[in-house]
Amino acid sequence: VKKFQKDRCSTRHQMTTGIVIFAQNNDYVDYVKIACACAGYARRHLSGFDEICLITDVESANSNTHLVNKAFDRKIVFGERGFYTRRLYRDTVDDTQYAGFINTNRSNVYELSPYTETLVIDCDYFIMSDTLDSVWGSANDFMINKRYRDVSGGEDKDGNVVRVDDFSIDMYWATVFYFRKSEFTENL
């Protein structure tokens, strides 16, 4: 785990439930701005959490300081961007560009989350109902989706992706997942 700085910590009471959103900008997409919209939708539709936390790097956090301070209760900022992969982004048929995709710190969410119960949401996942409020206080230490539903109503030819590849592990979607800090979840 790289060094990080926690910002705007509350001393009023011990936080137990929180939403964590990772966002690191690249040269093509302002993920932090998208994360601010994501936090706004979470705040509008969910009520069972104490805080919303952004995890990002210094450069990304500084790009939208006013929006970040308005949208998030807490932020954790890394000094370095870390390793990234290159991905093809397609805004339209005619507008495509390769840019870095920075997502390496997400695997450290268990250690980074300041909450006993955490809902991790991709920054481009917009919550439009209160359904996810049902995760708080769950008997399950960890919950993740095995199936997905395409917002356009379509699915792949098999109805869903079953495995990462033909000879690999089952596919689960980390777009949204919940965990409670426990020995089981830490080992997972």
C-alpha atoms as a PDB file:
ATOM      1  CA  VAL A   1       0.000   0.000   0.000  1.00  0.00           C
ATOM      2  CA  LYS A   2       1.434   3.339  -1.015  1.00  0.00           C
ATOM      3  CA  LYS A   3       1.516   6.334   1.306  1.00  0.00           C
ATOM      4  CA  PHE A   4      -1.721   8.259   1.380  1.00  0.00           C
ATOM      5  CA  GLN A   5      -3.261  11.253   3.050  1.00  0.00           C
ATOM      6  CA  LYS A   6      -6.710  11.269   4.617  1.00  0.00           C
ATOM      7  CA  ASP A   7      -8.574  14.537   4.353  1.00  0.00           C
ATOM      8  CA  ARG A   8     -11.485  16.076   6.308  1.00  0.00           C
ATOM      9  CA  CYS A   9     -11.660  13.357   8.945  1.00  0.00           C
ATOM     10  CA  SER A  10     -14.633  13.560  11.260  1.00  0.00           C
ATOM     11  CA  THR A  11     -14.032  13.489  14.989  1.00  0.00           C
ATOM     12  CA  ARG A  12     -17.748  13.678  15.876  1.00  0.00           C
ATOM     13  CA  HIS A  13     -18.277   9.924  15.790  1.00  0.00           C
ATOM     14  CA  GLN A  14     -16.751   6.746  14.436  1.00  0.00           C
ATOM     15  CA  MET A  15     -17.781   6.266  10.809  1.00  0.00           C
ATOM     16  CA  THR A  16     -19.092   2.797  10.128  1.00  0.00           C
ATOM     17  CA  THR A  17     -20.738   2.886   6.697  1.00  0.00           C
ATOM     18  CA  GLY A  18     -19.382   4.551   3.612  1.00  0.00           C
ATOM     19  CA  ILE A  19     -19.259   4.612  -0.148  1.00  0.00           C
ATOM     20  CA  VAL A  20     -15.835   4.512  -1.797  1.00  0.00           C
ATOM     21  CA  ILE A  21     -15.269   5.711  -5.356  1.00  0.00           C
ATOM     22  CA  PHE A  22     -11.902   5.474  -7.114  1.00  0.00           C
ATOM     23  CA  ALA A  23     -11.118   8.015  -9.843  1.00  0.00           C
ATOM     24  CA  GLN A  24      -7.879   8.913 -11.559  1.00  0.00           C
ATOM     25  CA  ASN A  25      -7.860  11.154 -14.620  1.00  0.00           C
ATOM     26  CA  ASN A  26      -5.988  10.428 -17.814  1.00  0.00           C
ATOM     27  CA  ASP A  27      -5.262  12.636 -20.826  1.00  0.00           C
ATOM     28  CA  TYR A  28      -8.651  11.822 -22.352  1.00  0.00           C
ATOM     29  CA  VAL A  29     -11.222  11.366 -19.545  1.00  0.00           C
ATOM     30  CA  ASP A  30     -11.830  13.493 -16.458  1.00  0.00           C
ATOM     31  CA  TYR A  31     -12.780  10.600 -14.175  1.00  0.00           C
ATOM     32  CA  VAL A  32     -12.863  12.827 -11.081  1.00  0.00           C
ATOM     33  CA  LYS A  33     -15.589  14.989 -12.615  1.00  0.00           C
ATOM     34  CA  ILE A  34     -17.547  11.817 -13.452  1.00  0.00           C
ATOM     35  CA  ALA A  35     -16.978  10.584  -9.865  1.00  0.00           C
ATOM     36  CA  CYS A  36     -18.479  13.833  -8.538  1.00  0.00           C
ATOM     37  CA  ALA A  37     -21.649  13.143 -10.539  1.00  0.00           C
ATOM     38  CA  CYS A  38     -21.621   9.532  -9.267  1.00  0.00           C
ATOM     39  CA  ALA A  39     -21.393  10.770  -5.668  1.00  0.00           C
ATOM     40  CA  GLY A  40     -24.265  13.174  -6.302  1.00  0.00           C
ATOM     41  CA  TYR A  41     -26.532  10.372  -7.537  1.00  0.00           C
ATOM     42  CA  ALA A  42     -25.526   8.175  -4.573  1.00  0.00           C
ATOM     43  CA  ARG A  43     -26.352  10.987  -2.164  1.00  0.00           C
ATOM     44  CA  ARG A  44     -29.694  11.639  -3.889  1.00  0.00           C
ATOM     45  CA  HIS A  45     -30.898   8.023  -3.834  1.00  0.00           C
ATOM     46  CA  LEU A  46     -29.189   6.353  -0.842  1.00  0.00           C
ATOM     47  CA  SER A  47     -29.451   7.241   2.831  1.00  0.00           C
ATOM     48  CA  GLY A  48     -27.944   4.367   4.816  1.00  0.00           C
ATOM     49  CA  PHE A  49     -24.325   5.535   4.728  1.00  0.00           C
ATOM     50  CA  ASP A  50     -22.294   7.982   6.806  1.00  0.00           C
ATOM     51  CA  GLU A  51     -19.876   9.339   4.178  1.00  0.00           C
ATOM     52  CA  ILE A  52     -18.763   9.202   0.571  1.00  0.00           C
ATOM     53  CA  CYS A  53     -15.002   8.930   0.034  1.00  0.00           C
ATOM     54  CA  LEU A  54     -12.964   9.622  -3.111  1.00  0.00           C
ATOM     55  CA  ILE A  55      -9.679   7.778  -3.586  1.00  0.00           C
ATOM     56  CA  THR A  56      -7.471   9.452  -6.183  1.00  0.00           C
ATOM     57  CA  ASP A  57      -4.005  10.811  -6.936  1.00  0.00           C
ATOM     58  CA  VAL A  58      -2.725  14.345  -6.265  1.00  0.00           C
ATOM     59  CA  GLU A  59      -2.923  15.523  -9.879  1.00  0.00           C
ATOM     60  CA  SER A  60      -6.483  14.266 -10.339  1.00  0.00           C
ATOM     61  CA  ALA A  61      -7.658  15.684  -6.998  1.00  0.00           C
ATOM     62  CA  ASN A  62      -6.194  19.091  -7.809  1.00  0.00           C
ATOM     63  CA  SER A  63      -7.912  19.214 -11.198  1.00  0.00           C
ATOM     64  CA  ASN A  64     -11.384  19.671  -9.678  1.00  0.00           C
ATOM     65  CA  THR A  65     -10.850  20.846  -6.101  1.00  0.00           C
ATOM     66  CA  HIS A  66     -14.123  22.776  -5.804  1.00  0.00           C
ATOM     67  CA  LEU A  67     -16.246  19.902  -7.168  1.00  0.00           C
ATOM     68  CA  VAL A  68     -14.439  17.290  -5.066  1.00  0.00           C
ATOM     69  CA  ASN A  69     -14.918  19.286  -1.863  1.00  0.00           C
ATOM     70  CA  LYS A  70     -18.614  19.701  -2.647  1.00  0.00           C
ATOM     71  CA  ALA A  71     -19.301  16.081  -3.667  1.00  0.00           C
ATOM     72  CA  PHE A  72     -17.222  14.107  -1.150  1.00  0.00           C
ATOM     73  CA  ASP A  73     -17.113  14.002   2.632  1.00  0.00           C
ATOM     74  CA  ARG A  74     -13.619  12.550   2.650  1.00  0.00           C
ATOM     75  CA  LYS A  75     -10.817  11.991   0.203  1.00  0.00           C
ATOM     76  CA  ILE A  76      -7.752   9.801   0.252  1.00  0.00           C
ATOM     77  CA  VAL A  77      -5.022  11.133  -2.022  1.00  0.00           C
ATOM     78  CA  PHE A  78      -1.993   9.219  -3.278  1.00  0.00           C
ATOM     79  CA  GLY A  79       1.167  11.043  -4.208  1.00  0.00           C
ATOM     80  CA  GLU A  80       1.827   8.849  -7.233  1.00  0.00           C
ATOM     81  CA  ARG A  81      -0.405   7.732 -10.068  1.00  0.00           C
ATOM     82  CA  GLY A  82       1.048   4.235 -10.142  1.00  0.00           C
ATOM     83  CA  PHE A  83       1.009   1.691 -12.926  1.00  0.00           C
ATOM     84  CA  TYR A  84      -1.529   2.000 -15.712  1.00  0.00           C
ATOM     85  CA  THR A  85      -2.574   0.155 -18.829  1.00  0.00           C
ATOM     86  CA  ARG A  86      -3.482   1.646 -22.194  1.00  0.00           C
ATOM     87  CA  ARG A  87      -7.059   1.398 -23.353  1.00  0.00           C
ATOM     88  CA  LEU A  88      -8.880   2.433 -26.506  1.00  0.00           C
ATOM     89  CA  TYR A  89     -11.535   5.039 -25.696  1.00  0.00           C
ATOM     90  CA  ARG A  90     -14.388   5.579 -28.143  1.00  0.00           C
ATOM     91  CA  ASP A  91     -16.397   8.721 -27.686  1.00  0.00           C
ATOM     92  CA  THR A  92     -18.026   8.374 -31.093  1.00  0.00           C
ATOM     93  CA  VAL A  93     -17.383   6.258 -34.187  1.00  0.00           C
ATOM     94  CA  ASP A  94     -15.038   8.957 -35.459  1.00  0.00           C
ATOM     95  CA  ASP A  95     -13.440   9.916 -32.144  1.00  0.00           C
ATOM     96  CA  THR A  96     -11.191   7.204 -30.740  1.00  0.00           C
ATOM     97  CA  GLN A  97      -8.023   7.609 -28.735  1.00  0.00           C
ATOM     98  CA  TYR A  98      -5.650   5.467 -26.698  1.00  0.00           C
ATOM     99  CA  ALA A  99      -5.084   6.733 -23.174  1.00  0.00           C
ATOM    100  CA  GLY A 100      -3.930   5.381 -19.841  1.00  0.00           C
ATOM    101  CA  PHE A 101      -6.359   3.521 -17.608  1.00  0.00           C
ATOM    102  CA  ILE A 102      -5.265   3.918 -13.998  1.00  0.00           C
ATOM    103  CA  ASN A 103      -6.907   1.518 -11.575  1.00  0.00           C
ATOM    104  CA  THR A 104      -4.079  -0.110  -9.638  1.00  0.00           C
ATOM    105  CA  ASN A 105      -4.966   1.107  -6.127  1.00  0.00           C
ATOM    106  CA  ARG A 106      -8.459  -0.389  -6.246  1.00  0.00           C
ATOM    107  CA  SER A 107      -7.123  -3.759  -5.115  1.00  0.00           C
ATOM    108  CA  ASN A 108      -6.135  -2.098  -1.805  1.00  0.00           C
ATOM    109  CA  VAL A 109      -9.682  -1.022  -0.969  1.00  0.00           C
ATOM    110  CA  TYR A 110      -9.887  -3.223   2.134  1.00  0.00           C
ATOM    111  CA  GLU A 111      -6.907  -1.447   3.726  1.00  0.00           C
ATOM    112  CA  LEU A 112      -7.828   1.991   2.397  1.00  0.00           C
ATOM    113  CA  SER A 113     -11.485   2.090   3.353  1.00  0.00           C
ATOM    114  CA  PRO A 114     -11.994   3.929   6.647  1.00  0.00           C
ATOM    115  CA  TYR A 115     -15.382   2.233   7.094  1.00  0.00           C
ATOM    116  CA  THR A 116     -16.548  -0.929   8.822  1.00  0.00           C
ATOM    117  CA  GLU A 117     -19.013  -1.453   5.956  1.00  0.00           C
ATOM    118  CA  THR A 118     -18.044  -0.260   2.488  1.00  0.00           C
ATOM    119  CA  LEU A 119     -19.909  -0.008  -0.795  1.00  0.00           C
ATOM    120  CA  VAL A 120     -17.392   0.333  -3.657  1.00  0.00           C
ATOM    121  CA  ILE A 121     -18.781   1.903  -6.828  1.00  0.00           C
ATOM    122  CA  ASP A 122     -17.137   2.494 -10.200  1.00  0.00           C
ATOM    123  CA  CYS A 123     -17.056   6.229 -10.845  1.00  0.00           C
ATOM    124  CA  ASP A 124     -19.126   5.825 -14.014  1.00  0.00           C
ATOM    125  CA  TYR A 125     -21.917   3.847 -12.312  1.00  0.00           C
ATOM    126  CA  PHE A 126     -24.849   6.142 -11.570  1.00  0.00           C
ATOM    127  CA  ILE A 127     -27.274   5.039  -8.852  1.00  0.00           C
ATOM    128  CA  MET A 128     -30.898   5.701  -9.792  1.00  0.00           C
ATOM    129  CA  SER A 129     -32.805   4.011  -6.943  1.00  0.00           C
ATOM    130  CA  ASP A 130     -32.504   3.167  -3.257  1.00  0.00           C
ATOM    131  CA  THR A 131     -31.945  -0.575  -3.897  1.00  0.00           C
ATOM    132  CA  LEU A 132     -28.313  -0.509  -2.729  1.00  0.00           C
ATOM    133  CA  ASP A 133     -29.369   0.782   0.702  1.00  0.00           C
ATOM    134  CA  SER A 134     -30.286  -2.839   1.460  1.00  0.00           C
ATOM    135  CA  VAL A 135     -26.586  -3.802   1.739  1.00  0.00           C
ATOM    136  CA  TRP A 136     -26.025  -1.924   5.015  1.00  0.00           C
ATOM    137  CA  GLY A 137     -26.138  -4.252   8.009  1.00  0.00           C
ATOM    138  CA  SER A 138     -26.239  -7.340   5.800  1.00  0.00           C
ATOM    139  CA  ALA A 139     -25.557 -10.775   7.249  1.00  0.00           C
ATOM    140  CA  ASN A 140     -23.072 -11.251   4.380  1.00  0.00           C
ATOM    141  CA  ASP A 141     -19.506 -10.040   4.787  1.00  0.00           C
ATOM    142  CA  PHE A 142     -19.058  -9.698   1.016  1.00  0.00           C
ATOM    143  CA  MET A 143     -21.460  -9.267  -1.893  1.00  0.00           C
ATOM    144  CA  ILE A 144     -20.672  -8.940  -5.595  1.00  0.00           C
ATOM    145  CA  ASN A 145     -22.675  -9.380  -8.801  1.00  0.00           C
ATOM    146  CA  LYS A 146     -22.313 -12.502 -10.909  1.00  0.00           C
ATOM    147  CA  ARG A 147     -24.686 -11.319 -13.640  1.00  0.00           C
ATOM    148  CA  TYR A 148     -25.212  -7.995 -15.325  1.00  0.00           C
ATOM    149  CA  ARG A 149     -27.995  -6.332 -17.239  1.00  0.00           C
ATOM    150  CA  ASP A 150     -27.170  -4.114 -20.191  1.00  0.00           C
ATOM    151  CA  VAL A 151     -28.958  -0.768 -19.822  1.00  0.00           C
ATOM    152  CA  SER A 152     -29.936  -0.918 -23.495  1.00  0.00           C
ATOM    153  CA  GLY A 153     -31.787  -4.175 -22.799  1.00  0.00           C
ATOM    154  CA  GLY A 154     -29.315  -6.360 -24.677  1.00  0.00           C
ATOM    155  CA  GLU A 155     -27.058  -9.069 -23.350  1.00  0.00           C
ATOM    156  CA  ASP A 156     -24.306 -11.087 -24.917  1.00  0.00           C
ATOM    157  CA  LYS A 157     -25.182 -14.196 -26.956  1.00  0.00           C
ATOM    158  CA  ASP A 158     -25.015 -16.533 -23.932  1.00  0.00           C
ATOM    159  CA  GLY A 159     -27.088 -14.277 -21.691  1.00  0.00           C
ATOM    160  CA  ASN A 160     -24.040 -13.305 -19.638  1.00  0.00           C
ATOM    161  CA  VAL A 161     -20.300 -13.717 -19.290  1.00  0.00           C
ATOM    162  CA  VAL A 162     -19.749 -16.893 -17.277  1.00  0.00           C
ATOM    163  CA  ARG A 163     -15.951 -17.107 -17.045  1.00  0.00           C
ATOM    164  CA  VAL A 164     -13.047 -14.731 -17.490  1.00  0.00           C
ATOM    165  CA  ASP A 165     -12.015 -17.054 -20.334  1.00  0.00           C
ATOM    166  CA  ASP A 166     -12.851 -20.633 -21.332  1.00  0.00           C
ATOM    167  CA  PHE A 167     -10.346 -22.235 -18.944  1.00  0.00           C
ATOM    168  CA  SER A 168     -10.397 -19.756 -16.097  1.00  0.00           C
ATOM    169  CA  ILE A 169     -12.297 -18.646 -13.016  1.00  0.00           C
ATOM    170  CA  ASP A 170     -15.936 -17.570 -12.863  1.00  0.00           C
ATOM    171  CA  MET A 171     -16.623 -13.967 -13.846  1.00  0.00           C
ATOM    172  CA  TYR A 172     -17.870 -11.513 -11.223  1.00  0.00           C
ATOM    173  CA  TRP A 173     -18.530  -7.821 -11.810  1.00  0.00           C
ATOM    174  CA  ALA A 174     -16.644  -5.445  -9.506  1.00  0.00           C
ATOM    175  CA  THR A 175     -18.578  -2.446 -10.818  1.00  0.00           C
ATOM    176  CA  VAL A 176     -20.399  -2.362  -7.482  1.00  0.00           C
ATOM    177  CA  PHE A 177     -19.584  -4.511  -4.474  1.00  0.00           C
ATOM    178  CA  TYR A 178     -20.057  -4.442  -0.723  1.00  0.00           C
ATOM    179  CA  PHE A 179     -17.888  -5.686   2.119  1.00  0.00           C
ATOM    180  CA  ARG A 180     -17.810  -5.602   5.882  1.00  0.00           C
ATOM    181  CA  LYS A 181     -14.372  -5.694   7.466  1.00  0.00           C
ATOM    182  CA  SER A 182     -13.903  -9.211   8.786  1.00  0.00           C
ATOM    183  CA  GLU A 183     -11.340 -12.001   8.720  1.00  0.00           C
ATOM    184  CA  PHE A 184     -13.177 -13.607   5.787  1.00  0.00           C
ATOM    185  CA  THR A 185     -13.180 -10.409   3.707  1.00  0.00           C
ATOM    186  CA  GLU A 186      -9.578  -9.585   4.524  1.00  0.00           C
ATOM    187  CA  ASN A 187      -8.518 -13.043   3.332  1.00  0.00           C
ATOM    188  CA  LEU A 188     -10.639 -12.691   0.196  1.00  0.00           C
END
